[in-house]
Amino acid sequence: MSTHAADHAHAPDSGDEHEHVHPPSFYVKIWAILTVLFAISVAGPMLGVKIVTILTAFGIAIAKAYLVCAYFMHLNIQRRWVVYLELAVLGMVLLFWFGVAPDVMKHEGQNWENVAAKQAVERGMAAHAAGAAHADAPAAPH
């Protein structure tokens, strides 16, 4: 038996030829990337643009999940499993969203009524109307 064959004779069959080992500095770089992505995901909603909020909330979360799975959980050895896991989780999130969206996005249903949401909308509309009336009023002379 050759030396190469002897080295791999007792290794578990992981489906890939070699296990990748990274130095500690590599993990510090991944951590720094995760920290920057976290900062972006926190700052994104502060811009007040809905599409930016959605992209930073979900897009960056997927990227961070990939990095954590691939490098800290060492699933980068079998990359296809990372993709399978992320697609399964994304499918569950979408299933949850479509399951609750009809109830959450409405103020009333067949056997229920969201009184708190209706009141919040009414307060917001009243505040908006008061602000518009205030803006249209002539300025008082000094």
C-alpha atoms as a PDB file:
ATOM      1  CA  MET A   1       0.000   0.000   0.000  1.00  0.00           C
ATOM      2  CA  SER A   2       1.405   3.398  -0.950  1.00  0.00           C
ATOM      3  CA  THR A   3       1.898   6.187   1.592  1.00  0.00           C
ATOM      4  CA  HIS A   4      -0.889   8.229  -0.004  1.00  0.00           C
ATOM      5  CA  ALA A   5      -3.297   5.303   0.134  1.00  0.00           C
ATOM      6  CA  ALA A   6      -2.295   4.551   3.743  1.00  0.00           C
ATOM      7  CA  ASP A   7      -2.986   8.172   4.758  1.00  0.00           C
ATOM      8  CA  HIS A   8      -6.524   7.972   3.406  1.00  0.00           C
ATOM      9  CA  ALA A   9      -7.282   4.374   4.346  1.00  0.00           C
ATOM     10  CA  HIS A  10      -8.782   5.346   7.724  1.00  0.00           C
ATOM     11  CA  ALA A  11     -10.280   8.664   6.676  1.00  0.00           C
ATOM     12  CA  PRO A  12     -14.070   8.776   6.597  1.00  0.00           C
ATOM     13  CA  ASP A  13     -15.578   8.955   3.130  1.00  0.00           C
ATOM     14  CA  SER A  14     -16.853  12.526   2.940  1.00  0.00           C
ATOM     15  CA  GLY A  15     -17.419  12.547  -0.791  1.00  0.00           C
ATOM     16  CA  ASP A  16     -14.558  14.986  -1.424  1.00  0.00           C
ATOM     17  CA  GLU A  17     -10.905  14.195  -1.871  1.00  0.00           C
ATOM     18  CA  HIS A  18      -9.365  16.392   0.826  1.00  0.00           C
ATOM     19  CA  GLU A  19     -10.532  18.293   3.850  1.00  0.00           C
ATOM     20  CA  HIS A  20      -9.683  21.998   3.693  1.00  0.00           C
ATOM     21  CA  VAL A  21      -7.999  23.436   6.768  1.00  0.00           C
ATOM     22  CA  HIS A  22      -7.767  27.212   7.108  1.00  0.00           C
ATOM     23  CA  PRO A  23      -5.443  29.232   9.344  1.00  0.00           C
ATOM     24  CA  PRO A  24      -6.992  31.296  12.177  1.00  0.00           C
ATOM     25  CA  SER A  25      -6.470  34.528  10.203  1.00  0.00           C
ATOM     26  CA  PHE A  26      -8.891  33.203   7.576  1.00  0.00           C
ATOM     27  CA  TYR A  27     -11.631  32.886  10.209  1.00  0.00           C
ATOM     28  CA  VAL A  28     -10.898  36.404  11.442  1.00  0.00           C
ATOM     29  CA  LYS A  29     -11.465  37.628   7.874  1.00  0.00           C
ATOM     30  CA  ILE A  30     -14.789  35.759   7.697  1.00  0.00           C
ATOM     31  CA  TRP A  31     -15.748  37.274  11.056  1.00  0.00           C
ATOM     32  CA  ALA A  32     -14.870  40.762   9.742  1.00  0.00           C
ATOM     33  CA  ILE A  33     -17.023  40.180   6.638  1.00  0.00           C
ATOM     34  CA  LEU A  34     -19.906  39.023   8.857  1.00  0.00           C
ATOM     35  CA  THR A  35     -19.496  42.139  11.010  1.00  0.00           C
ATOM     36  CA  VAL A  36     -19.628  44.434   7.962  1.00  0.00           C
ATOM     37  CA  LEU A  37     -22.696  42.597   6.646  1.00  0.00           C
ATOM     38  CA  PHE A  38     -24.321  42.982  10.067  1.00  0.00           C
ATOM     39  CA  ALA A  39     -23.639  46.729  10.013  1.00  0.00           C
ATOM     40  CA  ILE A  40     -25.183  46.997   6.549  1.00  0.00           C
ATOM     41  CA  SER A  41     -28.239  45.025   7.637  1.00  0.00           C
ATOM     42  CA  VAL A  42     -28.697  47.393  10.600  1.00  0.00           C
ATOM     43  CA  ALA A  43     -28.102  50.565   8.564  1.00  0.00           C
ATOM     44  CA  GLY A  44     -30.288  49.509   5.616  1.00  0.00           C
ATOM     45  CA  PRO A  45     -33.662  50.000   7.324  1.00  0.00           C
ATOM     46  CA  MET A  46     -32.504  53.399   8.621  1.00  0.00           C
ATOM     47  CA  LEU A  47     -32.576  54.740   5.050  1.00  0.00           C
ATOM     48  CA  GLY A  48     -36.353  54.400   5.051  1.00  0.00           C
ATOM     49  CA  VAL A  49     -36.511  52.839   1.572  1.00  0.00           C
ATOM     50  CA  LYS A  50     -38.665  49.708   1.656  1.00  0.00           C
ATOM     51  CA  ILE A  51     -36.794  47.773  -1.052  1.00  0.00           C
ATOM     52  CA  VAL A  52     -33.439  48.489   0.634  1.00  0.00           C
ATOM     53  CA  THR A  53     -34.870  47.236   3.921  1.00  0.00           C
ATOM     54  CA  ILE A  54     -36.096  44.029   2.293  1.00  0.00           C
ATOM     55  CA  LEU A  55     -32.809  43.447   0.478  1.00  0.00           C
ATOM     56  CA  THR A  56     -30.732  44.072   3.581  1.00  0.00           C
ATOM     57  CA  ALA A  57     -33.006  41.988   5.783  1.00  0.00           C
ATOM     58  CA  PHE A  58     -33.248  38.924   3.566  1.00  0.00           C
ATOM     59  CA  GLY A  59     -30.376  39.196   1.091  1.00  0.00           C
ATOM     60  CA  ILE A  60     -27.698  39.842   3.655  1.00  0.00           C
ATOM     61  CA  ALA A  61     -29.201  37.259   6.013  1.00  0.00           C
ATOM     62  CA  ILE A  62     -28.826  34.629   3.298  1.00  0.00           C
ATOM     63  CA  ALA A  63     -25.235  35.688   2.639  1.00  0.00           C
ATOM     64  CA  LYS A  64     -24.402  35.579   6.356  1.00  0.00           C
ATOM     65  CA  ALA A  65     -26.055  32.175   6.720  1.00  0.00           C
ATOM     66  CA  TYR A  66     -23.978  30.871   3.819  1.00  0.00           C
ATOM     67  CA  LEU A  67     -20.733  32.140   5.339  1.00  0.00           C
ATOM     68  CA  VAL A  68     -21.533  30.687   8.759  1.00  0.00           C
ATOM     69  CA  CYS A  69     -22.585  27.314   7.332  1.00  0.00           C
ATOM     70  CA  ALA A  70     -19.695  27.104   4.922  1.00  0.00           C
ATOM     71  CA  TYR A  71     -16.825  28.168   7.156  1.00  0.00           C
ATOM     72  CA  PHE A  72     -17.751  28.016  10.834  1.00  0.00           C
ATOM     73  CA  MET A  73     -19.821  24.844  10.542  1.00  0.00           C
ATOM     74  CA  HIS A  74     -17.259  23.486   8.060  1.00  0.00           C
ATOM     75  CA  LEU A  75     -19.886  22.580   5.505  1.00  0.00           C
ATOM     76  CA  ASN A  76     -17.714  24.094   2.778  1.00  0.00           C
ATOM     77  CA  ILE A  77     -16.306  20.594   2.417  1.00  0.00           C
ATOM     78  CA  GLN A  78     -19.610  19.527   0.879  1.00  0.00           C
ATOM     79  CA  ARG A  79     -20.876  22.726  -0.737  1.00  0.00           C
ATOM     80  CA  ARG A  80     -24.008  21.201  -2.229  1.00  0.00           C
ATOM     81  CA  TRP A  81     -25.366  20.557   1.294  1.00  0.00           C
ATOM     82  CA  VAL A  82     -25.041  24.256   2.134  1.00  0.00           C
ATOM     83  CA  VAL A  83     -27.128  25.098  -0.915  1.00  0.00           C
ATOM     84  CA  TYR A  84     -29.681  22.410  -0.016  1.00  0.00           C
ATOM     85  CA  LEU A  85     -29.928  23.706   3.552  1.00  0.00           C
ATOM     86  CA  GLU A  86     -30.339  27.322   2.463  1.00  0.00           C
ATOM     87  CA  LEU A  87     -32.977  26.420  -0.123  1.00  0.00           C
ATOM     88  CA  ALA A  88     -34.882  24.394   2.488  1.00  0.00           C
ATOM     89  CA  VAL A  89     -34.770  27.258   4.994  1.00  0.00           C
ATOM     90  CA  LEU A  90     -35.784  29.782   2.325  1.00  0.00           C
ATOM     91  CA  GLY A  91     -38.674  27.499   1.391  1.00  0.00           C
ATOM     92  CA  MET A  92     -39.781  27.360   5.026  1.00  0.00           C
ATOM     93  CA  VAL A  93     -39.598  31.153   5.354  1.00  0.00           C
ATOM     94  CA  LEU A  94     -41.674  31.594   2.192  1.00  0.00           C
ATOM     95  CA  LEU A  95     -44.174  28.989   3.394  1.00  0.00           C
ATOM     96  CA  PHE A  96     -44.465  30.829   6.714  1.00  0.00           C
ATOM     97  CA  TRP A  97     -44.825  34.206   4.950  1.00  0.00           C
ATOM     98  CA  PHE A  98     -47.558  33.040   2.607  1.00  0.00           C
ATOM     99  CA  GLY A  99     -49.269  31.256   5.484  1.00  0.00           C
ATOM    100  CA  VAL A 100     -49.532  34.297   7.740  1.00  0.00           C
ATOM    101  CA  ALA A 101     -49.581  37.174   5.225  1.00  0.00           C
ATOM    102  CA  PRO A 102     -53.338  36.994   4.552  1.00  0.00           C
ATOM    103  CA  ASP A 103     -54.025  37.418   8.270  1.00  0.00           C
ATOM    104  CA  VAL A 104     -51.312  39.936   9.066  1.00  0.00           C
ATOM    105  CA  MET A 105     -51.883  42.230   6.104  1.00  0.00           C
ATOM    106  CA  LYS A 106     -55.636  42.597   6.659  1.00  0.00           C
ATOM    107  CA  HIS A 107     -57.550  44.293   9.430  1.00  0.00           C
ATOM    108  CA  GLU A 108     -60.504  41.919   9.417  1.00  0.00           C
ATOM    109  CA  GLY A 109     -61.380  38.425   8.391  1.00  0.00           C
ATOM    110  CA  GLN A 110     -64.235  35.979   8.435  1.00  0.00           C
ATOM    111  CA  ASN A 111     -64.285  35.476  12.211  1.00  0.00           C
ATOM    112  CA  TRP A 112     -61.892  38.110  13.535  1.00  0.00           C
ATOM    113  CA  GLU A 113     -61.053  41.794  13.532  1.00  0.00           C
ATOM    114  CA  ASN A 114     -57.723  43.495  14.272  1.00  0.00           C
ATOM    115  CA  VAL A 115     -58.939  46.467  16.290  1.00  0.00           C
ATOM    116  CA  ALA A 116     -55.441  47.636  17.275  1.00  0.00           C
ATOM    117  CA  ALA A 117     -54.317  47.815  13.628  1.00  0.00           C
ATOM    118  CA  LYS A 118     -57.438  49.750  12.643  1.00  0.00           C
ATOM    119  CA  GLN A 119     -56.874  52.220  15.469  1.00  0.00           C
ATOM    120  CA  ALA A 120     -53.222  52.666  14.502  1.00  0.00           C
ATOM    121  CA  VAL A 121     -54.187  53.382  10.888  1.00  0.00           C
ATOM    122  CA  GLU A 122     -56.844  55.871  12.016  1.00  0.00           C
ATOM    123  CA  ARG A 123     -54.338  57.657  14.286  1.00  0.00           C
ATOM    124  CA  GLY A 124     -51.814  57.800  11.462  1.00  0.00           C
ATOM    125  CA  MET A 125     -54.344  59.162   9.000  1.00  0.00           C
ATOM    126  CA  ALA A 126     -55.530  61.769  11.538  1.00  0.00           C
ATOM    127  CA  ALA A 127     -51.938  62.845  12.193  1.00  0.00           C
ATOM    128  CA  HIS A 128     -51.302  63.075   8.472  1.00  0.00           C
ATOM    129  CA  ALA A 129     -54.452  65.132   7.941  1.00  0.00           C
ATOM    130  CA  ALA A 130     -53.519  67.446  10.827  1.00  0.00           C
ATOM    131  CA  GLY A 131     -50.026  67.869   9.393  1.00  0.00           C
ATOM    132  CA  ALA A 132     -51.436  68.639   5.938  1.00  0.00           C
ATOM    133  CA  ALA A 133     -53.928  71.147   7.406  1.00  0.00           C
ATOM    134  CA  HIS A 134     -51.111  72.763   9.387  1.00  0.00           C
ATOM    135  CA  ALA A 135     -48.943  73.045   6.272  1.00  0.00           C
ATOM    136  CA  ASP A 136     -51.789  74.669   4.298  1.00  0.00           C
ATOM    137  CA  ALA A 137     -52.582  77.260   7.004  1.00  0.00           C
ATOM    138  CA  PRO A 138     -51.165  80.767   6.380  1.00  0.00           C
ATOM    139  CA  ALA A 139     -48.323  81.795   8.598  1.00  0.00           C
ATOM    140  CA  ALA A 140     -49.233  84.066  11.484  1.00  0.00           C
ATOM    141  CA  PRO A 141     -47.781  87.579  11.295  1.00  0.00           C
ATOM    142  CA  HIS A 142     -45.093  88.385  13.844  1.00  0.00           C
END
